C-alpha atoms as a PDB file:
ATOM      1  CA  MET A   1      -1.199  -5.610   1.278  1.00  0.00           C
ATOM      2  CA  GLU A   2       1.128  -8.237   2.886  1.00  0.00           C
ATOM      3  CA  LEU A   3       0.425  -8.626   6.541  1.00  0.00           C
ATOM      4  CA  THR A   4       2.624 -10.370   9.039  1.00  0.00           C
ATOM      5  CA  TYR A   5       1.037 -12.481  11.675  1.00  0.00           C
ATOM      6  CA  THR A   6       2.931 -13.550  14.980  1.00  0.00           C
ATOM      7  CA  THR A   7       2.817 -14.951  18.379  1.00  0.00           C
ATOM      8  CA  LYS A   8       6.180 -13.445  19.098  1.00  0.00           C
ATOM      9  CA  LYS A   9       6.123  -9.823  19.041  1.00  0.00           C
ATOM     10  CA  GLN A  10       5.495  -8.001  22.258  1.00  0.00           C
ATOM     11  CA  ILE A  11       3.213  -5.105  21.838  1.00  0.00           C
ATOM     12  CA  SER A  12       3.201  -1.788  23.905  1.00  0.00           C
ATOM     13  CA  VAL A  13       0.064  -0.264  25.889  1.00  0.00           C
ATOM     14  CA  GLU A  14       0.312   2.510  23.191  1.00  0.00           C
ATOM     15  CA  ASN A  15       0.022   0.143  20.310  1.00  0.00           C
ATOM     16  CA  TYR A  16      -2.900  -1.697  22.061  1.00  0.00           C
ATOM     17  CA  VAL A  17      -4.744   1.495  22.857  1.00  0.00           C
ATOM     18  CA  ASP A  18      -4.279   2.966  19.330  1.00  0.00           C
ATOM     19  CA  LEU A  19      -5.659  -0.441  17.747  1.00  0.00           C
ATOM     20  CA  ILE A  20      -8.690  -0.806  20.149  1.00  0.00           C
ATOM     21  CA  SER A  21      -9.452   2.680  19.908  1.00  0.00           C
ATOM     22  CA  SER A  22     -10.151   2.211  16.054  1.00  0.00           C
ATOM     23  CA  THR A  23     -12.776  -0.486  16.886  1.00  0.00           C
ATOM     24  CA  SER A  24     -16.223  -1.292  18.354  1.00  0.00           C
ATOM     25  CA  LEU A  25     -14.122  -2.690  21.470  1.00  0.00           C
ATOM     26  CA  LYS A  26     -13.070   1.116  22.514  1.00  0.00           C
ATOM     27  CA  ASP A  27     -16.045   1.644  24.804  1.00  0.00           C
ATOM     28  CA  ARG A  28     -15.525  -1.885  26.462  1.00  0.00           C
ATOM     29  CA  ARG A  29     -11.924  -1.668  27.484  1.00  0.00           C
ATOM     30  CA  PRO A  30     -10.256   0.460  30.023  1.00  0.00           C
ATOM     31  CA  LEU A  31      -8.314   2.573  27.537  1.00  0.00           C
ATOM     32  CA  ASN A  32      -7.374   5.465  29.837  1.00  0.00           C
ATOM     33  CA  ASP A  33      -5.983   3.036  32.601  1.00  0.00           C
ATOM     34  CA  TYR A  34      -2.440   2.156  30.999  1.00  0.00           C
ATOM     35  CA  GLU A  35      -1.308   0.274  34.264  1.00  0.00           C
ATOM     36  CA  ARG A  36      -4.426  -2.006  33.850  1.00  0.00           C
ATOM     37  CA  ILE A  37      -3.851  -2.410  30.138  1.00  0.00           C
ATOM     38  CA  GLU A  38      -0.303  -3.298  30.740  1.00  0.00           C
ATOM     39  CA  GLN A  39      -1.246  -6.108  33.119  1.00  0.00           C
ATOM     40  CA  MET A  40      -3.955  -7.218  30.588  1.00  0.00           C
ATOM     41  CA  LEU A  41      -1.078  -7.565  27.905  1.00  0.00           C
ATOM     42  CA  LYS A  42       1.613  -8.992  30.357  1.00  0.00           C
ATOM     43  CA  ASN A  43      -0.896 -11.813  31.751  1.00  0.00           C
ATOM     44  CA  ALA A  44      -2.455 -12.939  28.484  1.00  0.00           C
ATOM     45  CA  SER A  45      -1.356 -16.607  27.824  1.00  0.00           C
ATOM     46  CA  LEU A  46      -1.491 -16.162  24.006  1.00  0.00           C
ATOM     47  CA  THR A  47      -1.438 -13.081  21.934  1.00  0.00           C
ATOM     48  CA  VAL A  48      -1.659 -13.431  18.197  1.00  0.00           C
ATOM     49  CA  THR A  49      -1.182 -10.013  16.266  1.00  0.00           C
ATOM     50  CA  ALA A  50      -1.327  -8.918  12.765  1.00  0.00           C
ATOM     51  CA  TRP A  51       1.001  -6.057  11.359  1.00  0.00           C
ATOM     52  CA  ASP A  52       1.124  -4.058   8.185  1.00  0.00           C
ATOM     53  CA  GLY A  53       4.891  -2.993   8.282  1.00  0.00           C
ATOM     54  CA  LYS A  54       5.073  -1.391  11.935  1.00  0.00           C
ATOM     55  CA  GLU A  55       1.377  -0.706  12.323  1.00  0.00           C
ATOM     56  CA  LEU A  56      -0.536  -2.983  14.581  1.00  0.00           C
ATOM     57  CA  VAL A  57      -3.767  -3.864  12.667  1.00  0.00           C
ATOM     58  CA  GLY A  58      -5.229  -6.686  14.443  1.00  0.00           C
ATOM     59  CA  ILE A  59      -5.053  -8.853  17.824  1.00  0.00           C
ATOM     60  CA  ALA A  60      -6.475 -11.862  19.329  1.00  0.00           C
ATOM     61  CA  ARG A  61      -5.382 -11.867  22.957  1.00  0.00           C
ATOM     62  CA  SER A  62      -6.376 -14.991  24.914  1.00  0.00           C
ATOM     63  CA  VAL A  63      -6.217 -16.558  28.474  1.00  0.00           C
ATOM     64  CA  THR A  64      -5.812 -20.317  28.096  1.00  0.00           C
ATOM     65  CA  ASP A  65      -4.723 -23.544  29.505  1.00  0.00           C
ATOM     66  CA  PHE A  66      -3.649 -24.698  26.000  1.00  0.00           C
ATOM     67  CA  ALA A  67      -5.558 -28.016  26.460  1.00  0.00           C
ATOM     68  CA  TYR A  68      -9.262 -27.662  27.235  1.00  0.00           C
ATOM     69  CA  CYS A  69     -10.302 -24.105  26.810  1.00  0.00           C
ATOM     70  CA  CYS A  70      -9.153 -20.864  25.425  1.00  0.00           C
ATOM     71  CA  TYR A  71     -11.027 -17.462  26.238  1.00  0.00           C
ATOM     72  CA  VAL A  72     -10.418 -14.882  23.693  1.00  0.00           C
ATOM     73  CA  SER A  73     -10.381 -11.655  25.675  1.00  0.00           C
ATOM     74  CA  ASP A  74      -9.965  -9.440  22.604  1.00  0.00           C
ATOM     75  CA  LEU A  75     -10.484 -10.043  18.896  1.00  0.00           C
ATOM     76  CA  ALA A  76      -9.910  -6.662  17.242  1.00  0.00           C
ATOM     77  CA  VAL A  77      -9.078  -5.509  13.613  1.00  0.00           C
ATOM     78  CA  ARG A  78      -8.536  -1.925  12.785  1.00  0.00           C
ATOM     79  CA  GLY A  79     -11.538  -0.359  11.009  1.00  0.00           C
ATOM     80  CA  ALA A  80      -9.658   0.201   7.706  1.00  0.00           C
ATOM     81  CA  TYR A  81      -8.545  -3.631   7.764  1.00  0.00           C
ATOM     82  CA  GLN A  82     -11.909  -5.209   8.537  1.00  0.00           C
ATOM     83  CA  LYS A  83     -13.879  -7.691   6.187  1.00  0.00           C
ATOM     84  CA  LYS A  84     -10.373  -8.839   4.560  1.00  0.00           C
ATOM     85  CA  GLY A  85     -10.220 -12.125   6.720  1.00  0.00           C
ATOM     86  CA  ILE A  86      -7.866 -10.972   9.358  1.00  0.00           C
ATOM     87  CA  GLY A  87     -10.097 -11.740  12.373  1.00  0.00           C
ATOM     88  CA  LYS A  88     -10.664 -15.215  10.952  1.00  0.00           C
ATOM     89  CA  LYS A  89      -6.754 -15.549  10.478  1.00  0.00           C
ATOM     90  CA  LEU A  90      -6.055 -14.409  13.948  1.00  0.00           C
ATOM     91  CA  LEU A  91      -8.575 -17.062  15.365  1.00  0.00           C
ATOM     92  CA  GLN A  92      -7.013 -19.815  13.164  1.00  0.00           C
ATOM     93  CA  ILE A  93      -3.542 -18.995  14.415  1.00  0.00           C
ATOM     94  CA  THR A  94      -4.934 -19.014  18.153  1.00  0.00           C
ATOM     95  CA  LYS A  95      -6.550 -22.399  17.513  1.00  0.00           C
ATOM     96  CA  ASP A  96      -3.332 -23.750  15.906  1.00  0.00           C
ATOM     97  CA  ASN A  97      -1.483 -22.777  19.159  1.00  0.00           C
ATOM     98  CA  ILE A  98      -3.868 -24.843  21.391  1.00  0.00           C
ATOM     99  CA  HIS A  99      -4.922 -28.438  21.574  1.00  0.00           C
ATOM    100  CA  ASN A 100      -6.881 -29.685  18.538  1.00  0.00           C
ATOM    101  CA  ASN A 101      -9.853 -30.374  20.797  1.00  0.00           C
ATOM    102  CA  ALA A 102      -9.778 -27.277  23.164  1.00  0.00           C
ATOM    103  CA  LYS A 103     -12.720 -24.908  22.906  1.00  0.00           C
ATOM    104  CA  ILE A 104     -12.506 -21.226  21.913  1.00  0.00           C
ATOM    105  CA  ILE A 105     -14.740 -19.227  24.106  1.00  0.00           C
ATOM    106  CA  LEU A 106     -15.364 -15.417  23.901  1.00  0.00           C
ATOM    107  CA  LEU A 107     -17.993 -12.864  24.391  1.00  0.00           C
ATOM    108  CA  ALA A 108     -19.084 -10.944  21.407  1.00  0.00           C
ATOM    109  CA  ALA A 109     -19.731  -7.180  21.348  1.00  0.00           C
ATOM    110  CA  PRO A 110     -23.237  -6.654  20.055  1.00  0.00           C
ATOM    111  CA  GLN A 111     -21.902  -5.413  16.639  1.00  0.00           C
ATOM    112  CA  ALA A 112     -20.076  -8.611  16.215  1.00  0.00           C
ATOM    113  CA  GLU A 113     -22.568 -11.226  17.122  1.00  0.00           C
ATOM    114  CA  GLU A 114     -23.412 -12.219  13.475  1.00  0.00           C
ATOM    115  CA  TYR A 115     -19.760 -12.400  12.619  1.00  0.00           C
ATOM    116  CA  TYR A 116     -19.045 -15.277  15.031  1.00  0.00           C
ATOM    117  CA  SER A 117     -21.995 -17.351  13.948  1.00  0.00           C
ATOM    118  CA  HIS A 118     -20.842 -16.541  10.250  1.00  0.00           C
ATOM    119  CA  ILE A 119     -17.514 -18.277  10.835  1.00  0.00           C
ATOM    120  CA  GLY A 120     -18.697 -21.211  12.879  1.00  0.00           C
ATOM    121  CA  PHE A 121     -19.209 -20.316  16.484  1.00  0.00           C
ATOM    122  CA  GLU A 122     -22.276 -21.309  18.082  1.00  0.00           C
ATOM    123  CA  LYS A 123     -24.275 -19.052  20.496  1.00  0.00           C
ATOM    124  CA  HIS A 124     -24.328 -20.584  24.058  1.00  0.00           C
ATOM    125  CA  LYS A 125     -27.337 -19.687  26.132  1.00  0.00           C
ATOM    126  CA  ALA A 126     -25.720 -20.498  29.691  1.00  0.00           C
ATOM    127  CA  ALA A 127     -22.792 -18.067  29.922  1.00  0.00           C
ATOM    128  CA  PHE A 128     -22.635 -15.900  32.963  1.00  0.00           C
ATOM    129  CA  VAL A 129     -20.658 -12.618  33.544  1.00  0.00           C
ATOM    130  CA  SER A 130     -19.848 -11.095  36.850  1.00  0.00           C
ATOM    131  CA  SER A 131     -19.935  -7.438  37.270  1.00  0.00           C
ATOM    132  CA  GLY A 132     -17.018  -7.687  39.752  1.00  0.00           C
ATOM    133  CA  VAL A 133     -19.248  -8.055  42.763  1.00  0.00           C
ATOM    134  CA  PHE A 134     -20.888 -11.225  43.795  1.00  0.00           C
ATOM    135  CA  VAL A 135     -21.956 -13.076  47.173  1.00  0.00           C
ATOM    136  CA  ILE A 136     -19.817 -16.007  48.330  1.00  0.00           C
END
């Protein structure tokens, strides 16, 4: 298996939905809302993808200022390709594209919590997530 990793290849909504549908993120993303998915892909600051031929097998999609912080919105690897170092490689390429001292931040799906500590991430106790409604 020879995979191609790139930051330059545009992916379609269909590619994204197909990939995410094969992962534990499937219930955490609005996969039936193609318009919203299109905006998510279009407005990401940095997208690293892994391809096996023409098949999208992995993605690290981030919002970043490239200098101080990088929020990884999606890290997903197609089920059949997991446990082969693809997720780690996607994160390494992400890191290679931002400032050396920039922090990578992400929210782990419950099934992936142990994975991130295994590859060197530290759990943070003071993160907050809005449900979309908050008082100003």
